[in-house]
């Protein structure tokens, strides 16, 4: 091989490597979008864990297939993503519930103040606004 042939082959390998990196990033974004939009993260987590168990069952200590190990590693990454999504959803739900409780309490306090104000006027022999 000539130096030009070697350079051409290296350029080809670099191009392929860049394409693989771009594909991996696209797959990561796709899986993130899929996990984030899935309506049942518990079911999704069960499916991922089932796939991990299945792949681990196919590989024993004597069978160290790099493809299978890579697939298991990716599934473990997905499992971690689903767990993070579940934690975020739980935090958002708890925040929304706390805000709803605070709004309900504030509304109740306003109503109590209005009732108290009406009661003060009536107690002094004054007519309430609606009676005038």
Protein backbone atom coordinates (compact mmCIF):
# COMPACT_ATOMS: atom_id res chain seq x y z
CA UNK A 1 0.00 0.00 0.00
CA UNK A 2 1.14 3.43 -0.83
CA UNK A 3 0.98 6.33 1.62
CA UNK A 4 -1.91 7.79 -0.41
CA UNK A 5 -3.83 4.51 -0.10
CA UNK A 6 -3.27 4.47 3.65
CA UNK A 7 -4.46 8.07 3.98
CA UNK A 8 -7.54 7.34 1.90
CA UNK A 9 -8.38 4.32 4.02
CA UNK A 10 -7.89 6.30 7.24
CA UNK A 11 -10.16 9.03 5.91
CA UNK A 12 -12.76 6.39 5.10
CA UNK A 13 -12.51 4.95 8.63
CA UNK A 14 -12.81 8.41 10.17
CA UNK A 15 -15.90 9.08 8.09
CA UNK A 16 -17.48 5.81 9.17
CA UNK A 17 -16.58 6.48 12.80
CA UNK A 18 -18.18 9.94 12.63
CA UNK A 19 -21.31 8.42 11.10
CA UNK A 20 -21.51 5.87 13.92
CA UNK A 21 -21.12 8.61 16.54
CA UNK A 22 -23.89 10.64 14.89
CA UNK A 23 -26.13 7.58 14.77
CA UNK A 24 -25.48 6.83 18.44
CA UNK A 25 -26.36 10.41 19.40
CA UNK A 26 -29.54 10.27 17.32
CA UNK A 27 -30.51 6.99 19.00
CA UNK A 28 -29.87 8.53 22.41
CA UNK A 29 -32.13 11.50 21.60
CA UNK A 30 -34.78 9.19 20.21
CA UNK A 31 -34.78 6.96 23.28
CA UNK A 32 -34.88 10.00 25.56
CA UNK A 33 -37.90 11.35 23.68
CA UNK A 34 -39.59 7.95 23.71
CA UNK A 35 -39.03 7.42 27.42
CA UNK A 36 -40.13 10.95 28.27
CA UNK A 37 -43.35 10.68 26.30
CA UNK A 38 -44.29 7.11 27.25
CA UNK A 39 -47.52 7.17 29.27
CA UNK A 40 -46.67 4.13 31.41
CA UNK A 41 -43.11 4.29 32.66
CA UNK A 42 -43.67 1.34 35.01
CA UNK A 43 -44.52 -0.90 32.06
CA UNK A 44 -41.59 0.47 30.05
CA UNK A 45 -39.22 -0.20 32.95
CA UNK A 46 -40.54 -3.77 33.25
CA UNK A 47 -39.96 -4.36 29.53
CA UNK A 48 -36.40 -3.06 29.73
CA UNK A 49 -35.63 -5.14 32.81
CA UNK A 50 -37.11 -8.20 31.12
CA UNK A 51 -34.87 -7.67 28.10
CA UNK A 52 -31.84 -7.34 30.39
CA UNK A 53 -32.73 -10.59 32.16
CA UNK A 54 -33.23 -12.35 28.84
CA UNK A 55 -29.88 -11.21 27.49
CA UNK A 56 -28.10 -12.06 30.72
CA UNK A 57 -29.69 -15.51 30.61
CA UNK A 58 -28.23 -16.07 27.16
CA UNK A 59 -24.74 -15.14 28.24
CA UNK A 60 -22.88 -17.17 30.78
CA UNK A 61 -19.33 -16.64 31.96
CA UNK A 62 -18.11 -18.76 29.07
CA UNK A 63 -19.97 -16.64 26.52
CA UNK A 64 -18.64 -13.09 26.52
CA UNK A 65 -20.14 -11.82 23.29
CA UNK A 66 -19.22 -8.13 22.90
CA UNK A 67 -22.48 -7.40 21.05
CA UNK A 68 -24.56 -8.85 23.86
CA UNK A 69 -22.50 -6.99 26.46
CA UNK A 70 -23.02 -3.78 24.50
CA UNK A 71 -26.76 -4.38 24.27
CA UNK A 72 -26.95 -5.02 28.02
CA UNK A 73 -24.97 -1.85 28.71
CA UNK A 74 -27.34 0.18 26.53
CA UNK A 75 -30.39 -1.36 28.22
CA UNK A 76 -28.90 -0.47 31.61
CA UNK A 77 -28.54 3.13 30.39
CA UNK A 78 -32.19 3.09 29.31
CA UNK A 79 -33.22 1.67 32.69
CA UNK A 80 -31.40 4.54 34.39
CA UNK A 81 -33.15 7.06 32.12
CA UNK A 82 -36.56 5.61 32.95
CA UNK A 83 -35.81 5.76 36.67
CA UNK A 84 -34.80 9.42 36.30
CA UNK A 85 -38.00 10.19 34.38
CA UNK A 86 -40.05 8.50 37.09
CA UNK A 87 -38.31 10.58 39.77
CA UNK A 88 -38.93 13.80 37.84
CA UNK A 89 -42.58 12.93 37.24
CA UNK A 90 -43.04 12.15 40.93
CA UNK A 91 -41.44 15.46 41.95
CA UNK A 92 -43.63 17.39 39.49
CA UNK A 93 -46.74 15.58 40.73
CA UNK A 94 -45.87 16.32 44.37
CA UNK A 95 -45.24 19.98 43.53
CA UNK A 96 -48.59 20.24 41.71
CA UNK A 97 -50.37 18.62 44.65
CA UNK A 98 -48.70 21.01 47.11
CA UNK A 99 -49.67 23.99 44.94
CA UNK A 100 -53.25 22.74 44.74
CA UNK A 101 -53.39 22.33 48.54
CA UNK A 102 -51.96 25.84 49.02
CA UNK A 103 -54.49 27.32 46.58
CA UNK A 104 -57.35 25.53 48.33
CA UNK A 105 -56.13 26.76 51.72
CA UNK A 106 -55.82 30.33 50.44
CA UNK A 107 -59.33 30.17 49.00
CA UNK A 108 -60.68 28.84 52.29
CA UNK A 109 -58.94 31.64 54.18
CA UNK A 110 -60.44 34.27 51.84
CA UNK A 111 -63.89 32.78 52.34
CA UNK A 112 -63.42 32.74 56.11
CA UNK A 113 -62.37 36.42 56.03
CA UNK A 114 -65.40 37.35 53.95
CA UNK A 115 -67.73 35.48 56.28
CA UNK A 116 -66.04 37.10 59.27
CA UNK A 117 -66.46 40.56 57.76
CA UNK A 118 -70.14 39.91 57.11
CA UNK A 119 -70.59 38.63 60.63
CA UNK A 120 -69.01 41.73 62.18
CA UNK A 121 -71.44 44.04 60.42
CA UNK A 122 -74.46 42.00 61.40
CA UNK A 123 -73.35 41.64 65.00
CA UNK A 124 -73.32 45.45 65.51
CA UNK A 125 -76.81 45.89 64.27
CA UNK A 126 -75.70 47.03 60.85
CA UNK A 127 -77.28 45.62 57.76
CA UNK A 128 -75.13 43.46 55.57
CA UNK A 129 -74.37 44.75 52.07
CA UNK A 130 -76.87 42.38 50.51
CA UNK A 131 -79.64 43.58 52.82
CA UNK A 132 -79.29 47.26 51.88
